Amino acid sequence: MSNEAPVFSAEVDVAIRTVREDVSRLHSELVRNGLVVWTGGNVSGRVPGADLFVIKPSGVSYDDLTPENMILCDLDGAAIPGTAGSERSPSSDTAAHAYVYRHMPEVGGVVHTHSTYAVAWAARGEEIPCVITAMADEFGGPIPVGPFAIIGDDSIGRGIVETLSGHRSRAVLMQNHGPFTIGVDAKDAVKAAVMVEDVARTVHLAREAGPVIPLPQTAIDRLFDRYQNVYGQNSDARR
């Protein structure tokens, strides 16, 4: 395989630089919101106009992440030789991200964290019930549980796609593992990761105090429709 830098169109070059900058910067949001420890967790973003995505390198401190050491991958999860960062190993979750991008073309960003409360629900293999309006707004119902799968191939990616296909939720709790979120771009997926930990904590605390009150499906539908299709239109409010 050649190590010469590939030649992209001017438009794709600009898109790659933009996604590298976004993905690098957004990792700091995982730290700022307390969603990760050490080097765990990852953000990736699809490159518009190309069958490519950008993801963090494996085992690199969050403080040391830069646009230049992000890794450009094809949709099979292979680093593109000759590009910045390609000498490093991509995140151990790269195969899962690649599978999502291959099978969910509407997805432009994927995030994985080991955030405490969401992982606690995943450890029980229990979906988070839709009992607060913020969940109805953001996820359109409960946050589902995906099957147990081990890192090493695309098994996690298959579980994500199978669970979220046809589901309103942009988050899945992979059993005994933790949350993965998707979005129209990397920023949107990071927002979903922040929100899933927030509702996981809130619903956990509520249930510790007593029975929770389910939201009626009609209310969930109305709240989701308003938030997704009315609130914040023509602005950045939802992201």
Protein backbone atom coordinates (compact mmCIF):
# COMPACT_ATOMS: atom_id res chain seq x y z
CA MET A 1 0.00 0.00 0.00
CA SER A 2 1.33 3.40 -0.99
CA ASN A 3 2.23 5.90 1.72
CA GLU A 4 1.92 8.85 -0.64
CA ALA A 5 -0.64 11.44 0.39
CA PRO A 6 -3.86 11.01 -1.59
CA VAL A 7 -5.11 13.84 -3.76
CA PHE A 8 -8.58 15.15 -2.88
CA SER A 9 -10.63 17.84 -4.53
CA ALA A 10 -10.38 21.33 -3.06
CA GLU A 11 -13.87 20.98 -1.59
CA VAL A 12 -13.06 17.67 0.11
CA ASP A 13 -9.75 19.06 1.40
CA VAL A 14 -11.62 21.90 3.09
CA ALA A 15 -14.21 19.48 4.50
CA ILE A 16 -11.48 17.22 5.92
CA ARG A 17 -9.75 20.16 7.63
CA THR A 18 -13.05 21.35 9.08
CA VAL A 19 -14.01 17.92 10.44
CA ARG A 20 -10.50 17.42 11.89
CA GLU A 21 -10.85 20.72 13.76
CA ASP A 22 -14.37 19.95 14.94
CA VAL A 23 -13.60 16.42 16.12
CA SER A 24 -10.42 17.51 17.92
CA ARG A 25 -12.20 20.38 19.69
CA LEU A 26 -15.30 18.38 20.61
CA HIS A 27 -13.30 15.86 22.63
CA SER A 28 -12.79 18.63 25.19
CA GLU A 29 -16.59 18.72 25.64
CA LEU A 30 -16.49 15.11 26.81
CA VAL A 31 -13.94 16.09 29.46
CA ARG A 32 -15.73 19.31 30.39
CA ASN A 33 -19.00 17.45 30.94
CA GLY A 34 -17.40 14.64 32.95
CA LEU A 35 -18.24 11.91 30.43
CA VAL A 36 -14.80 10.26 30.17
CA VAL A 37 -11.81 9.23 32.25
CA TRP A 38 -8.17 8.94 31.14
CA THR A 39 -8.13 8.28 27.36
CA GLY A 40 -11.45 6.41 27.16
CA GLY A 41 -14.23 7.56 24.86
CA ASN A 42 -14.18 8.95 21.35
CA VAL A 43 -15.81 11.31 18.89
CA SER A 44 -15.89 10.84 15.13
CA GLY A 45 -17.30 12.89 12.27
CA ARG A 46 -18.19 12.03 8.69
CA VAL A 47 -16.51 14.09 5.97
CA PRO A 48 -19.25 15.62 3.80
CA GLY A 49 -18.92 14.77 0.14
CA ALA A 50 -16.57 11.80 0.65
CA ASP A 51 -16.63 8.23 1.94
CA LEU A 52 -14.39 9.23 4.84
CA PHE A 53 -14.59 9.99 8.53
CA VAL A 54 -12.27 11.40 11.19
CA ILE A 55 -11.70 9.80 14.60
CA LYS A 56 -9.29 10.22 17.51
CA PRO A 57 -6.12 8.13 17.83
CA SER A 58 -6.00 5.34 20.41
CA GLY A 59 -4.42 5.94 23.80
CA VAL A 60 -3.61 9.63 23.35
CA SER A 61 -4.28 12.03 26.24
CA TYR A 62 -7.15 14.42 25.64
CA ASP A 63 -4.79 17.32 26.36
CA ASP A 64 -2.60 16.21 23.46
CA LEU A 65 -5.31 15.91 20.82
CA THR A 66 -4.92 18.25 17.85
CA PRO A 67 -6.50 18.42 14.38
CA GLU A 68 -3.23 17.06 12.96
CA ASN A 69 -3.24 13.87 15.03
CA MET A 70 -6.87 13.02 14.30
CA ILE A 71 -7.03 10.05 11.94
CA LEU A 72 -8.74 10.10 8.55
CA CYS A 73 -10.36 6.74 7.77
CA ASP A 74 -12.31 5.17 4.96
CA LEU A 75 -15.74 3.67 5.67
CA ASP A 76 -14.13 0.30 6.40
CA GLY A 77 -12.25 1.93 9.28
CA ALA A 78 -8.81 1.85 7.65
CA ALA A 79 -6.56 4.88 8.11
CA ILE A 80 -5.79 6.68 4.85
CA PRO A 81 -2.01 6.31 4.27
CA GLY A 82 -0.01 9.47 3.83
CA THR A 83 -2.48 11.68 5.71
CA ALA A 84 -1.81 13.46 8.99
CA GLY A 85 -2.05 11.11 11.95
CA SER A 86 -2.09 7.96 9.83
CA GLU A 87 1.05 6.61 11.55
CA ARG A 88 -0.98 6.17 14.75
CA SER A 89 -3.56 3.51 15.57
CA PRO A 90 -7.14 4.76 15.41
CA SER A 91 -9.48 4.37 18.38
CA SER A 92 -10.30 0.80 19.37
CA ASP A 93 -13.96 1.60 18.57
CA THR A 94 -13.20 2.58 14.96
CA ALA A 95 -14.80 -0.55 13.49
CA ALA A 96 -18.05 0.26 15.30
CA HIS A 97 -18.07 3.85 14.04
CA ALA A 98 -17.29 2.70 10.48
CA TYR A 99 -20.15 0.19 10.52
CA VAL A 100 -22.58 2.91 11.59
CA TYR A 101 -21.42 5.24 8.80
CA ARG A 102 -21.71 2.47 6.19
CA HIS A 103 -25.22 1.47 7.18
CA MET A 104 -26.75 4.77 8.37
CA PRO A 105 -25.97 7.36 5.67
CA GLU A 106 -27.96 10.01 7.53
CA VAL A 107 -25.50 9.86 10.44
CA GLY A 108 -22.71 12.45 10.40
CA GLY A 109 -21.27 11.94 13.88
CA VAL A 110 -20.78 9.14 16.41
CA VAL A 111 -19.73 9.39 20.06
CA HIS A 112 -18.87 6.79 22.67
CA THR A 113 -18.34 7.46 26.37
CA HIS A 114 -18.18 5.54 29.63
CA SER A 115 -20.24 8.15 31.51
CA THR A 116 -21.09 6.89 34.98
CA TYR A 117 -24.87 6.82 35.15
CA ALA A 118 -25.45 5.71 31.57
CA VAL A 119 -22.98 2.86 32.09
CA ALA A 120 -24.84 1.89 35.28
CA TRP A 121 -28.05 1.44 33.27
CA ALA A 122 -26.08 -0.52 30.64
CA ALA A 123 -24.64 -2.77 33.36
CA ARG A 124 -28.21 -3.73 34.33
CA GLY A 125 -29.18 -4.15 30.68
CA GLU A 126 -32.10 -1.81 31.34
CA GLU A 127 -33.49 0.88 29.05
CA ILE A 128 -33.98 4.34 30.51
CA PRO A 129 -37.75 4.94 30.64
CA CYS A 130 -39.16 8.16 29.21
CA VAL A 131 -40.42 9.84 32.38
CA ILE A 132 -39.23 13.45 31.92
CA THR A 133 -40.04 15.96 29.20
CA ALA A 134 -36.36 16.51 28.34
CA MET A 135 -36.16 12.86 27.26
CA ALA A 136 -39.25 13.21 25.09
CA ASP A 137 -37.77 16.34 23.51
CA GLU A 138 -34.34 14.96 22.79
CA PHE A 139 -34.85 11.22 22.33
CA GLY A 140 -38.55 10.81 21.56
CA GLY A 141 -39.02 8.01 24.04
CA PRO A 142 -36.95 5.57 26.11
CA ILE A 143 -33.24 5.09 25.52
CA PRO A 144 -32.89 1.48 24.37
CA VAL A 145 -30.38 -1.21 25.27
CA GLY A 146 -28.28 -2.85 22.58
CA PRO A 147 -26.79 -6.35 22.72
CA PHE A 148 -23.59 -7.27 24.51
CA ALA A 149 -20.65 -7.24 22.10
CA ILE A 150 -16.87 -7.25 22.50
CA ILE A 151 -14.49 -4.77 20.90
CA GLY A 152 -12.38 -6.19 18.09
CA ASP A 153 -14.65 -6.30 15.05
CA ASP A 154 -17.84 -4.63 13.90
CA SER A 155 -20.11 -6.48 16.37
CA ILE A 156 -20.72 -3.31 18.40
CA GLY A 157 -21.53 -1.39 15.23
CA ARG A 158 -24.02 -4.05 14.17
CA GLY A 159 -25.70 -3.82 17.57
CA ILE A 160 -25.92 -0.03 17.35
CA VAL A 161 -27.46 -0.10 13.88
CA GLU A 162 -29.89 -2.91 14.67
CA THR A 163 -31.08 -1.14 17.82
CA LEU A 164 -31.37 2.41 16.49
CA SER A 165 -32.70 1.72 12.99
CA GLY A 166 -36.29 2.94 12.97
CA HIS A 167 -35.95 4.23 16.54
CA ARG A 168 -36.27 7.90 17.50
CA SER A 169 -33.48 7.72 20.06
CA ARG A 170 -30.05 9.03 19.07
CA ALA A 171 -28.54 7.05 21.95
CA VAL A 172 -28.15 3.36 22.70
CA LEU A 173 -26.84 1.72 25.85
CA MET A 174 -24.73 -1.21 24.73
CA GLN A 175 -25.22 -3.86 27.40
CA ASN A 176 -22.38 -4.15 29.93
CA HIS A 177 -20.48 -1.50 28.00
CA GLY A 178 -21.92 1.99 27.75
CA PRO A 179 -23.59 4.63 25.60
CA PHE A 180 -23.07 5.32 21.91
CA THR A 181 -24.78 8.32 20.35
CA ILE A 182 -25.35 9.44 16.78
CA GLY A 183 -26.12 12.81 15.21
CA VAL A 184 -26.33 14.77 12.00
CA ASP A 185 -22.74 15.82 12.70
CA ALA A 186 -20.16 15.34 15.44
CA LYS A 187 -21.45 18.27 17.52
CA ASP A 188 -24.98 16.88 17.44
CA ALA A 189 -23.73 13.46 18.58
CA VAL A 190 -21.76 15.07 21.43
CA LYS A 191 -24.89 16.93 22.55
CA ALA A 192 -26.75 13.60 22.62
CA ALA A 193 -23.94 12.10 24.75
CA VAL A 194 -24.21 14.96 27.24
CA MET A 195 -27.99 14.66 27.36
CA VAL A 196 -28.06 10.88 27.78
CA GLU A 197 -25.83 11.10 30.86
CA ASP A 198 -27.99 13.90 32.26
CA VAL A 199 -31.23 11.94 31.92
CA ALA A 200 -29.57 8.71 33.09
CA ARG A 201 -28.57 10.48 36.31
CA THR A 202 -31.91 12.23 36.80
CA VAL A 203 -34.06 9.14 36.23
CA HIS A 204 -31.78 7.05 38.46
CA LEU A 205 -32.11 9.54 41.31
CA ALA A 206 -35.87 9.82 40.82
CA ARG A 207 -36.31 6.07 40.94
CA GLU A 208 -34.20 5.84 44.08
CA ALA A 209 -36.68 8.16 45.79
CA GLY A 210 -39.79 6.29 44.63
CA PRO A 211 -41.80 5.12 41.61
CA VAL A 212 -41.42 7.22 38.48
CA ILE A 213 -44.44 8.42 36.48
CA PRO A 214 -44.39 7.42 32.80
CA LEU A 215 -45.21 10.11 30.26
CA PRO A 216 -48.24 9.32 28.07
CA GLN A 217 -47.25 8.38 24.52
CA THR A 218 -49.37 11.22 23.12
CA ALA A 219 -47.42 13.72 25.23
CA ILE A 220 -44.10 12.20 24.15
CA ASP A 221 -45.11 12.48 20.50
CA ARG A 222 -46.18 16.12 20.84
CA LEU A 223 -43.07 17.12 22.78
CA PHE A 224 -40.73 15.38 20.33
CA ASP A 225 -42.43 16.91 17.31
CA ARG A 226 -42.31 20.42 18.78
CA TYR A 227 -38.68 20.18 19.85
CA GLN A 228 -37.44 18.63 16.63
CA ASN A 229 -39.57 20.55 14.13
CA VAL A 230 -40.59 23.84 15.73
CA TYR A 231 -38.30 24.85 18.60
CA GLY A 232 -35.03 26.43 17.56
CA GLN A 233 -35.64 26.36 13.82
CA ASN A 234 -33.29 28.65 11.90
CA SER A 235 -31.01 28.81 14.94
CA ASP A 236 -28.41 26.74 16.77
CA ALA A 237 -30.69 26.26 19.78
CA ARG A 238 -30.98 22.49 19.51
CA ARG A 239 -27.25 22.01 19.16
